[in-house]
Each structure stands twice: as C-alpha cells, then as structure tokens.
C-alpha cells in the first residue's frame, strides 16, 4: 500500500509538471525588474492579440490616411520590433524571418495574428533567458549607450504605444 502511494504521488508530480513545459532557462522570474517588465509586455500582448482577433478581416487593410500605416501594418510593426529588439543584447532573429518585410503582409488577418503571437513568444523567451547582470550592461540603443534595462522598458512601452 505504501509503495502504491509513493508511485501515485510521483505520477501526480510528473503530470503536474506537464502543464507548463518551460525549461529552467526560460523560467519566468518571480520578482524584480525583469518580472515587472515581462508583466507589462504580457499585458500589451493580451490586449493587442485580443484586438487583432476581434477586428474584422476586411479592416486590416484600412488606413486613416495616405502614408499612414494600415491596421494590419501596425500589428506587424509591433511583431517586427519584438524580433528586432533582442538584437540589442546580441539576440538573433530566427532563420528565414525578415521583420522588415512583415508590414507588407498586414492585410492578411490570419498571418498577422499568428506572427504577432509568435513575436511575443520570441521576445518573452529571450528576456526570460537573459541573465540579470545584462540589465546593467551598456548596450547601443538607437545610437546611444544605455543600460540593458532601458531597452527592456522600450520593448514594453513600444507594444503599449501601438494599442492606440
């Protein structure tokens, strides 16, 4: 009976772990600057993805005036930035992706929503894996030297900026 209980407990622990397949390297920080910034990024992600999913497909090509990004182009601009920003810390854009070309696909709702979700997964994974010490390292941020934490703040504020 005792042996069966031990096996059942072990199985329960194993199955509980299956619900969150996150490696130790990508484990979410519980507190601190990274946790606060990730919360902001995830908040913007939820709102942007929900808005994109609620927007009718025919509205993705709509633009308020000539020379202004369309609705879909704005979402794709955010997605492109989510792939680009990690390069400030030495991150790599996944093979086969060219974020500078994303906006050209802004009229395709399914493509936009998928790309937006994947871009947030990418930037979140990168930040989760970033050592805390990188927050204090100096990076080249649009031609200026800045602490890494400032770059993370830009990731969060950029996504919120394009909510409207």
N, C-alpha and C. Protein backbone atom coordinates (compact mmCIF):
# COMPACT_ATOMS: atom_id res chain seq x y z
N UNK A 1 0.83 -1.19 0.00
CA UNK A 1 0.00 0.00 0.00
C UNK A 1 0.87 1.26 0.00
N UNK A 2 1.92 1.25 0.83
CA UNK A 2 2.82 2.40 0.91
C UNK A 2 3.52 2.62 -0.43
N UNK A 3 3.91 1.52 -1.06
CA UNK A 3 4.58 1.59 -2.36
C UNK A 3 3.66 2.19 -3.43
N UNK A 4 2.41 1.80 -3.42
CA UNK A 4 1.44 2.33 -4.38
C UNK A 4 1.25 3.83 -4.16
N UNK A 5 1.21 4.27 -2.91
CA UNK A 5 1.07 5.69 -2.62
C UNK A 5 2.25 6.49 -3.15
N UNK A 6 3.47 5.95 -2.97
CA UNK A 6 4.67 6.63 -3.47
C UNK A 6 4.61 6.76 -4.99
N UNK A 7 4.19 5.69 -5.69
CA UNK A 7 4.09 5.74 -7.14
C UNK A 7 3.01 6.72 -7.59
N UNK A 8 1.90 6.76 -6.89
CA UNK A 8 0.82 7.69 -7.24
C UNK A 8 1.28 9.13 -7.03
N UNK A 9 2.00 9.37 -5.94
CA UNK A 9 2.50 10.73 -5.67
C UNK A 9 3.50 11.15 -6.74
N UNK A 10 4.39 10.24 -7.11
CA UNK A 10 5.37 10.54 -8.15
C UNK A 10 4.69 10.83 -9.48
N UNK A 11 3.67 10.04 -9.82
CA UNK A 11 2.93 10.25 -11.05
C UNK A 11 2.21 11.60 -11.02
N UNK A 12 1.64 11.95 -9.89
CA UNK A 12 0.97 13.24 -9.75
C UNK A 12 1.92 14.40 -9.95
N UNK A 13 3.12 14.30 -9.39
CA UNK A 13 4.12 15.36 -9.56
C UNK A 13 4.54 15.45 -11.02
N UNK A 14 4.75 14.32 -11.66
CA UNK A 14 5.13 14.30 -13.07
C UNK A 14 4.05 14.94 -13.93
N UNK A 15 2.80 14.56 -13.72
CA UNK A 15 1.71 15.09 -14.53
C UNK A 15 1.50 16.57 -14.26
N UNK A 16 1.70 17.02 -13.03
CA UNK A 16 1.56 18.44 -12.72
C UNK A 16 2.58 19.26 -13.50
N UNK A 17 3.76 18.72 -13.69
CA UNK A 17 4.81 19.41 -14.43
C UNK A 17 4.54 19.49 -15.91
N UNK A 18 3.69 18.61 -16.43
CA UNK A 18 3.40 18.62 -17.87
C UNK A 18 2.58 19.84 -18.28
N UNK A 19 1.91 20.47 -17.36
CA UNK A 19 1.08 21.62 -17.68
C UNK A 19 1.88 22.85 -18.06
N UNK A 20 3.15 22.91 -17.69
CA UNK A 20 3.94 24.09 -18.03
C UNK A 20 5.30 23.67 -18.54
N UNK A 21 5.39 23.38 -19.84
CA UNK A 21 6.63 22.90 -20.42
C UNK A 21 7.64 24.02 -20.65
N UNK A 22 8.11 24.64 -19.56
CA UNK A 22 9.09 25.72 -19.64
C UNK A 22 10.41 25.20 -19.10
N UNK A 23 11.47 25.37 -19.86
CA UNK A 23 12.77 24.93 -19.39
C UNK A 23 13.25 25.84 -18.28
N UNK A 24 14.22 25.37 -17.52
CA UNK A 24 14.77 26.18 -16.43
C UNK A 24 15.35 27.48 -16.98
N UNK A 25 15.90 27.43 -18.19
CA UNK A 25 16.49 28.62 -18.80
C UNK A 25 15.42 29.67 -19.11
N UNK A 26 14.21 29.23 -19.41
CA UNK A 26 13.14 30.15 -19.77
C UNK A 26 12.20 30.42 -18.60
N UNK A 27 12.54 29.93 -17.41
CA UNK A 27 11.67 30.11 -16.26
C UNK A 27 11.40 31.59 -16.03
N UNK A 28 10.18 31.88 -15.73
CA UNK A 28 9.74 33.25 -15.52
C UNK A 28 10.27 33.76 -14.17
N UNK A 29 10.88 34.94 -14.15
CA UNK A 29 11.35 35.47 -12.87
C UNK A 29 10.16 35.80 -11.97
N UNK A 30 10.30 35.51 -10.68
CA UNK A 30 9.21 35.73 -9.74
C UNK A 30 9.08 37.19 -9.32
N UNK A 31 10.19 37.90 -9.33
CA UNK A 31 10.15 39.30 -8.91
C UNK A 31 11.31 40.04 -9.54
N UNK A 32 11.35 41.34 -9.31
CA UNK A 32 12.43 42.15 -9.84
C UNK A 32 12.06 42.87 -11.11
N UNK A 33 13.05 43.55 -11.66
CA UNK A 33 12.83 44.37 -12.85
C UNK A 33 12.32 43.54 -14.01
N UNK A 34 12.95 42.39 -14.28
CA UNK A 34 12.52 41.57 -15.42
C UNK A 34 11.06 41.13 -15.25
N UNK A 35 10.69 40.73 -14.04
CA UNK A 35 9.31 40.28 -13.80
C UNK A 35 8.32 41.42 -14.06
N UNK A 36 8.67 42.61 -13.59
CA UNK A 36 7.77 43.76 -13.79
C UNK A 36 7.64 44.11 -15.27
N UNK A 37 8.75 44.08 -15.99
CA UNK A 37 8.71 44.41 -17.41
C UNK A 37 7.98 43.33 -18.19
N UNK A 38 8.22 42.07 -17.85
CA UNK A 38 7.51 40.98 -18.52
C UNK A 38 6.00 41.07 -18.29
N UNK A 39 5.60 41.50 -17.10
CA UNK A 39 4.17 41.68 -16.84
C UNK A 39 3.60 42.71 -17.80
N UNK A 40 4.31 43.82 -18.00
CA UNK A 40 3.86 44.87 -18.92
C UNK A 40 3.77 44.34 -20.36
N UNK A 41 4.79 43.58 -20.76
CA UNK A 41 4.80 43.02 -22.12
C UNK A 41 3.63 42.06 -22.31
N UNK A 42 3.40 41.19 -21.33
CA UNK A 42 2.30 40.23 -21.43
C UNK A 42 0.94 40.93 -21.42
N UNK A 43 0.83 42.02 -20.68
CA UNK A 43 -0.41 42.80 -20.67
C UNK A 43 -0.67 43.38 -22.06
N UNK A 44 0.35 43.97 -22.65
CA UNK A 44 0.20 44.53 -24.01
C UNK A 44 -0.11 43.42 -25.01
N UNK A 45 0.55 42.28 -24.86
CA UNK A 45 0.31 41.15 -25.77
C UNK A 45 -1.16 40.72 -25.72
N UNK A 46 -1.69 40.52 -24.53
CA UNK A 46 -3.09 40.09 -24.40
C UNK A 46 -4.02 41.08 -25.10
N UNK A 47 -3.79 42.37 -24.87
CA UNK A 47 -4.66 43.39 -25.44
C UNK A 47 -4.51 43.48 -26.96
N UNK A 48 -3.27 43.44 -27.46
CA UNK A 48 -3.05 43.53 -28.91
C UNK A 48 -3.61 42.31 -29.64
N UNK A 49 -3.35 41.12 -29.10
CA UNK A 49 -3.85 39.90 -29.75
C UNK A 49 -5.38 39.87 -29.71
N UNK A 50 -5.97 40.23 -28.58
CA UNK A 50 -7.44 40.25 -28.48
C UNK A 50 -8.02 41.26 -29.46
N UNK A 51 -7.40 42.41 -29.59
CA UNK A 51 -7.87 43.42 -30.52
C UNK A 51 -7.75 42.93 -31.97
N UNK A 52 -6.61 42.32 -32.30
CA UNK A 52 -6.41 41.80 -33.65
C UNK A 52 -7.43 40.70 -33.97
N UNK A 53 -7.68 39.83 -32.99
CA UNK A 53 -8.65 38.76 -33.23
C UNK A 53 -10.08 39.28 -33.36
N UNK A 54 -10.40 40.37 -32.67
CA UNK A 54 -11.75 40.94 -32.73
C UNK A 54 -11.97 41.82 -33.95
N UNK A 55 -10.90 42.29 -34.57
CA UNK A 55 -11.01 43.16 -35.73
C UNK A 55 -11.44 42.35 -36.96
N UNK A 56 -12.47 42.79 -37.66
CA UNK A 56 -12.88 42.07 -38.88
C UNK A 56 -11.73 42.04 -39.91
N UNK A 57 -11.61 40.93 -40.61
CA UNK A 57 -10.52 40.73 -41.57
C UNK A 57 -10.44 41.85 -42.61
N UNK A 58 -11.59 42.36 -43.04
CA UNK A 58 -11.58 43.39 -44.08
C UNK A 58 -11.04 44.74 -43.57
N UNK A 59 -10.92 44.90 -42.28
CA UNK A 59 -10.42 46.16 -41.70
C UNK A 59 -8.90 46.20 -41.58
N UNK A 60 -8.22 45.08 -41.80
CA UNK A 60 -6.76 45.04 -41.65
C UNK A 60 -6.05 45.90 -42.69
N UNK A 61 -6.67 46.12 -43.84
CA UNK A 61 -6.07 46.95 -44.88
C UNK A 61 -6.46 48.42 -44.75
N UNK A 62 -7.37 48.74 -43.82
CA UNK A 62 -7.84 50.12 -43.68
C UNK A 62 -6.74 50.98 -43.08
N UNK A 63 -6.59 52.17 -43.63
CA UNK A 63 -5.65 53.16 -43.10
C UNK A 63 -6.37 54.49 -42.99
N UNK A 64 -6.07 55.26 -41.93
CA UNK A 64 -6.80 56.52 -41.73
C UNK A 64 -6.50 57.59 -42.77
N UNK A 65 -5.34 57.51 -43.40
CA UNK A 65 -4.98 58.49 -44.44
C UNK A 65 -3.81 57.94 -45.24
N UNK A 66 -3.61 58.49 -46.41
CA UNK A 66 -2.47 58.11 -47.25
C UNK A 66 -1.17 58.32 -46.47
N UNK A 67 -0.27 57.34 -46.54
CA UNK A 67 1.02 57.46 -45.87
C UNK A 67 1.02 57.04 -44.41
N UNK A 68 -0.13 56.63 -43.90
CA UNK A 68 -0.25 56.16 -42.52
C UNK A 68 -0.38 54.64 -42.56
N UNK A 69 0.24 53.97 -41.58
CA UNK A 69 0.14 52.51 -41.54
C UNK A 69 -1.32 52.07 -41.45
N UNK A 70 -1.60 50.95 -42.12
CA UNK A 70 -2.92 50.34 -42.01
C UNK A 70 -3.01 49.64 -40.64
N UNK A 71 -4.21 49.20 -40.30
CA UNK A 71 -4.42 48.49 -39.05
C UNK A 71 -3.50 47.28 -38.97
N UNK A 72 -3.48 46.46 -40.01
CA UNK A 72 -2.63 45.27 -40.02
C UNK A 72 -1.15 45.60 -40.00
N UNK A 73 -0.77 46.68 -40.67
CA UNK A 73 0.64 47.08 -40.68
C UNK A 73 1.11 47.50 -39.28
N UNK A 74 0.23 48.08 -38.50
CA UNK A 74 0.60 48.45 -37.13
C UNK A 74 0.89 47.19 -36.31
N UNK A 75 0.02 46.19 -36.41
CA UNK A 75 0.26 44.93 -35.69
C UNK A 75 1.59 44.31 -36.13
N UNK A 76 1.83 44.32 -37.43
CA UNK A 76 3.06 43.71 -37.95
C UNK A 76 4.29 44.54 -37.58
N UNK A 77 4.12 45.84 -37.42
CA UNK A 77 5.21 46.69 -36.95
C UNK A 77 5.61 46.26 -35.54
N UNK A 78 4.63 46.03 -34.68
CA UNK A 78 4.91 45.57 -33.31
C UNK A 78 5.60 44.21 -33.36
N UNK A 79 5.10 43.31 -34.19
CA UNK A 79 5.71 41.98 -34.31
C UNK A 79 7.16 42.08 -34.77
N UNK A 80 7.42 42.91 -35.76
CA UNK A 80 8.79 43.08 -36.24
C UNK A 80 9.71 43.61 -35.16
N UNK A 81 9.23 44.56 -34.39
CA UNK A 81 10.03 45.12 -33.30
C UNK A 81 10.33 44.06 -32.24
N UNK A 82 9.37 43.17 -31.99
CA UNK A 82 9.60 42.12 -31.00
C UNK A 82 10.72 41.16 -31.42
N UNK A 83 10.94 41.03 -32.71
CA UNK A 83 12.07 40.23 -33.19
C UNK A 83 13.35 41.07 -33.23
N UNK A 84 13.21 42.36 -33.51
CA UNK A 84 14.38 43.23 -33.65
C UNK A 84 15.00 43.62 -32.31
N UNK A 85 14.19 44.00 -31.32
CA UNK A 85 14.73 44.50 -30.06
C UNK A 85 15.75 43.58 -29.40
N UNK A 86 15.56 42.26 -29.36
CA UNK A 86 16.58 41.41 -28.71
C UNK A 86 17.96 41.48 -29.37
N UNK A 87 18.04 42.00 -30.59
CA UNK A 87 19.36 42.11 -31.22
C UNK A 87 20.23 43.13 -30.48
N UNK A 88 19.62 44.04 -29.70
CA UNK A 88 20.40 44.99 -28.91
C UNK A 88 21.30 44.28 -27.90
N UNK A 89 20.88 43.09 -27.46
CA UNK A 89 21.64 42.31 -26.47
C UNK A 89 22.35 41.14 -27.12
N UNK A 90 22.42 41.12 -28.43
CA UNK A 90 23.09 40.02 -29.12
C UNK A 90 22.16 38.90 -29.54
N UNK A 91 20.86 39.07 -29.37
CA UNK A 91 19.90 38.05 -29.79
C UNK A 91 19.87 37.94 -31.31
N UNK A 92 19.41 36.81 -31.78
CA UNK A 92 19.34 36.55 -33.22
C UNK A 92 17.89 36.46 -33.67
N UNK A 93 17.63 36.99 -34.83
CA UNK A 93 16.32 36.84 -35.47
C UNK A 93 16.29 35.42 -36.04
N UNK A 94 15.21 34.67 -35.80
CA UNK A 94 15.15 33.29 -36.29
C UNK A 94 15.40 33.21 -37.80
N UNK A 95 16.09 32.18 -38.19
CA UNK A 95 16.42 31.92 -39.60
C UNK A 95 15.14 31.94 -40.44
N UNK A 96 15.21 32.63 -41.57
CA UNK A 96 14.10 32.66 -42.51
C UNK A 96 13.10 33.78 -42.27
N UNK A 97 13.26 34.53 -41.19
CA UNK A 97 12.36 35.65 -40.93
C UNK A 97 13.04 36.96 -41.27
N UNK A 98 12.27 37.86 -41.87
CA UNK A 98 12.76 39.21 -42.14
C UNK A 98 11.71 40.19 -41.63
N UNK A 99 11.86 40.62 -40.35
CA UNK A 99 10.86 41.51 -39.76
C UNK A 99 10.64 42.80 -40.53
N UNK A 100 11.61 43.21 -41.33
CA UNK A 100 11.43 44.44 -42.13
C UNK A 100 10.39 44.24 -43.23
N UNK A 101 10.06 43.00 -43.54
CA UNK A 101 9.08 42.70 -44.58
C UNK A 101 7.69 42.40 -44.02
N UNK A 102 7.56 42.33 -42.70
CA UNK A 102 6.28 41.94 -42.08
C UNK A 102 5.12 42.85 -42.49
N UNK A 103 5.35 44.15 -42.50
CA UNK A 103 4.25 45.09 -42.75
C UNK A 103 3.59 44.86 -44.10
N UNK A 104 4.33 44.34 -45.06
CA UNK A 104 3.77 44.07 -46.39
C UNK A 104 2.67 43.01 -46.34
N UNK A 105 2.64 42.22 -45.26
CA UNK A 105 1.65 41.16 -45.10
C UNK A 105 0.52 41.56 -44.15
N UNK A 106 0.42 42.86 -43.87
CA UNK A 106 -0.53 43.36 -42.89
C UNK A 106 -2.00 43.21 -43.23
N UNK A 107 -2.33 42.93 -44.47
CA UNK A 107 -3.74 42.79 -44.84
C UNK A 107 -4.28 41.38 -44.58
N UNK A 108 -3.42 40.43 -44.25
CA UNK A 108 -3.81 39.04 -44.03
C UNK A 108 -4.01 38.80 -42.53
N UNK A 109 -5.27 38.82 -42.07
CA UNK A 109 -5.57 38.72 -40.65
C UNK A 109 -4.95 37.48 -40.02
N UNK A 110 -5.10 36.32 -40.62
CA UNK A 110 -4.57 35.09 -40.03
C UNK A 110 -3.05 35.17 -39.88
N UNK A 111 -2.39 35.69 -40.89
CA UNK A 111 -0.93 35.84 -40.84
C UNK A 111 -0.53 36.84 -39.76
N UNK A 112 -1.26 37.93 -39.66
CA UNK A 112 -0.96 38.96 -38.67
C UNK A 112 -1.08 38.40 -37.25
N UNK A 113 -2.19 37.75 -36.96
CA UNK A 113 -2.41 37.21 -35.60
C UNK A 113 -1.35 36.17 -35.26
N UNK A 114 -1.06 35.28 -36.19
CA UNK A 114 -0.04 34.25 -35.96
C UNK A 114 1.34 34.88 -35.74
N UNK A 115 1.71 35.82 -36.58
CA UNK A 115 3.02 36.47 -36.46
C UNK A 115 3.12 37.26 -35.17
N UNK A 116 2.07 37.94 -34.79
CA UNK A 116 2.05 38.72 -33.56
C UNK A 116 2.27 37.81 -32.35
N UNK A 117 1.53 36.70 -32.29
CA UNK A 117 1.68 35.75 -31.17
C UNK A 117 3.10 35.19 -31.11
N UNK A 118 3.63 34.77 -32.24
CA UNK A 118 4.98 34.20 -32.28
C UNK A 118 6.03 35.24 -31.88
N UNK A 119 5.82 36.50 -32.26
CA UNK A 119 6.79 37.53 -31.92
C UNK A 119 6.84 37.77 -30.41
N UNK A 120 5.69 37.72 -29.76
CA UNK A 120 5.68 37.89 -28.31
C UNK A 120 6.32 36.68 -27.63
N UNK A 121 6.10 35.48 -28.16
CA UNK A 121 6.78 34.29 -27.63
C UNK A 121 8.29 34.47 -27.73
N UNK A 122 8.74 34.98 -28.87
CA UNK A 122 10.18 35.17 -29.12
C UNK A 122 10.78 36.15 -28.12
N UNK A 123 10.19 37.32 -28.00
CA UNK A 123 10.79 38.34 -27.13
C UNK A 123 10.71 37.92 -25.66
N UNK A 124 9.61 37.27 -25.28
CA UNK A 124 9.48 36.80 -23.90
C UNK A 124 10.52 35.72 -23.57
N UNK A 125 10.71 34.80 -24.49
CA UNK A 125 11.72 33.75 -24.29
C UNK A 125 13.10 34.35 -24.13
N UNK A 126 13.39 35.34 -24.97
CA UNK A 126 14.70 35.98 -24.90
C UNK A 126 14.89 36.67 -23.55
N UNK A 127 13.90 37.41 -23.11
CA UNK A 127 14.01 38.13 -21.84
C UNK A 127 14.11 37.16 -20.67
N UNK A 128 13.32 36.10 -20.69
CA UNK A 128 13.38 35.11 -19.61
C UNK A 128 14.77 34.48 -19.51
N UNK A 129 15.42 34.27 -20.63
CA UNK A 129 16.74 33.64 -20.63
C UNK A 129 17.87 34.63 -20.34
N UNK A 130 17.58 35.91 -20.38
CA UNK A 130 18.60 36.94 -20.18
C UNK A 130 19.08 36.94 -18.72
N UNK A 131 20.39 36.88 -18.51
CA UNK A 131 20.90 36.97 -17.14
C UNK A 131 20.59 38.33 -16.53
N UNK A 132 20.30 38.33 -15.24
CA UNK A 132 20.01 39.59 -14.54
C UNK A 132 21.15 40.60 -14.73
N UNK A 133 22.37 40.10 -14.82
CA UNK A 133 23.52 41.01 -14.95
C UNK A 133 23.46 41.81 -16.25
N UNK A 134 22.76 41.30 -17.26
CA UNK A 134 22.64 42.04 -18.52
C UNK A 134 21.79 43.31 -18.39
N UNK A 135 21.02 43.40 -17.32
CA UNK A 135 20.20 44.60 -17.11
C UNK A 135 21.08 45.82 -16.87
N UNK A 136 22.28 45.60 -16.34
CA UNK A 136 23.19 46.71 -16.05
C UNK A 136 24.24 46.92 -17.14
N UNK A 137 24.37 45.97 -18.05
CA UNK A 137 25.34 46.12 -19.13
C UNK A 137 24.92 47.24 -20.07
N UNK A 138 25.91 47.94 -20.58
CA UNK A 138 25.64 49.01 -21.54
C UNK A 138 25.41 48.39 -22.92
N UNK A 139 24.38 48.88 -23.60
CA UNK A 139 24.07 48.44 -24.96
C UNK A 139 23.96 49.68 -25.84
N UNK A 140 24.07 49.47 -27.14
CA UNK A 140 23.86 50.55 -28.10
C UNK A 140 22.38 50.57 -28.41
N UNK A 141 21.71 51.60 -27.95
CA UNK A 141 20.26 51.71 -28.10
C UNK A 141 19.96 52.89 -29.02
N UNK A 142 19.76 52.59 -30.28
CA UNK A 142 19.48 53.61 -31.29
C UNK A 142 20.55 54.69 -31.31
N UNK A 143 21.82 54.26 -31.24
CA UNK A 143 22.94 55.18 -31.33
C UNK A 143 23.39 55.79 -30.02
N UNK A 144 22.75 55.42 -28.92
CA UNK A 144 23.13 55.92 -27.60
C UNK A 144 23.47 54.77 -26.68
N UNK A 145 24.39 54.99 -25.76
CA UNK A 145 24.71 53.99 -24.76
C UNK A 145 23.66 54.05 -23.65
N UNK A 146 23.16 52.89 -23.26
CA UNK A 146 22.12 52.83 -22.22
C UNK A 146 22.23 51.49 -21.51
N UNK A 147 21.73 51.45 -20.28
CA UNK A 147 21.68 50.19 -19.54
C UNK A 147 20.66 49.27 -20.22
N UNK A 148 20.92 47.97 -20.17
CA UNK A 148 20.03 46.99 -20.78
C UNK A 148 18.60 47.12 -20.33
N UNK A 149 18.40 47.49 -19.07
CA UNK A 149 17.03 47.61 -18.56
C UNK A 149 16.22 48.66 -19.34
N UNK A 150 16.88 49.71 -19.83
CA UNK A 150 16.18 50.72 -20.62
C UNK A 150 15.65 50.11 -21.91
N UNK A 151 16.43 49.24 -22.51
CA UNK A 151 15.97 48.55 -23.71
C UNK A 151 14.74 47.69 -23.44
N UNK A 152 14.72 47.02 -22.30
CA UNK A 152 13.56 46.21 -21.94
C UNK A 152 12.33 47.09 -21.75
N UNK A 153 12.53 48.24 -21.16
CA UNK A 153 11.41 49.17 -21.00
C UNK A 153 10.88 49.61 -22.36
N UNK A 154 11.76 49.78 -23.32
CA UNK A 154 11.31 50.16 -24.67
C UNK A 154 10.48 49.06 -25.29
N UNK A 155 10.85 47.79 -25.07
CA UNK A 155 10.05 46.68 -25.59
C UNK A 155 8.62 46.81 -25.07
N UNK A 156 8.49 47.02 -23.75
CA UNK A 156 7.17 47.10 -23.13
C UNK A 156 6.40 48.34 -23.60
N UNK A 157 7.05 49.48 -23.58
CA UNK A 157 6.34 50.71 -23.93
C UNK A 157 5.98 50.76 -25.41
N UNK A 158 6.82 50.18 -26.25
CA UNK A 158 6.53 50.16 -27.68
C UNK A 158 5.23 49.40 -27.95
N UNK A 159 5.09 48.24 -27.33
CA UNK A 159 3.88 47.44 -27.55
C UNK A 159 2.65 48.19 -27.05
N UNK A 160 2.76 48.83 -25.90
CA UNK A 160 1.62 49.61 -25.37
C UNK A 160 1.32 50.83 -26.23
N UNK A 161 2.36 51.46 -26.76
CA UNK A 161 2.19 52.65 -27.60
C UNK A 161 1.27 52.36 -28.77
N UNK A 162 1.39 51.18 -29.35
CA UNK A 162 0.63 50.87 -30.56
C UNK A 162 -0.75 50.30 -30.29
N UNK A 163 -1.14 50.28 -29.02
CA UNK A 163 -2.52 49.92 -28.72
C UNK A 163 -3.48 51.03 -29.14
N UNK A 164 -2.96 52.25 -29.24
CA UNK A 164 -3.79 53.33 -29.73
C UNK A 164 -3.91 54.46 -28.75
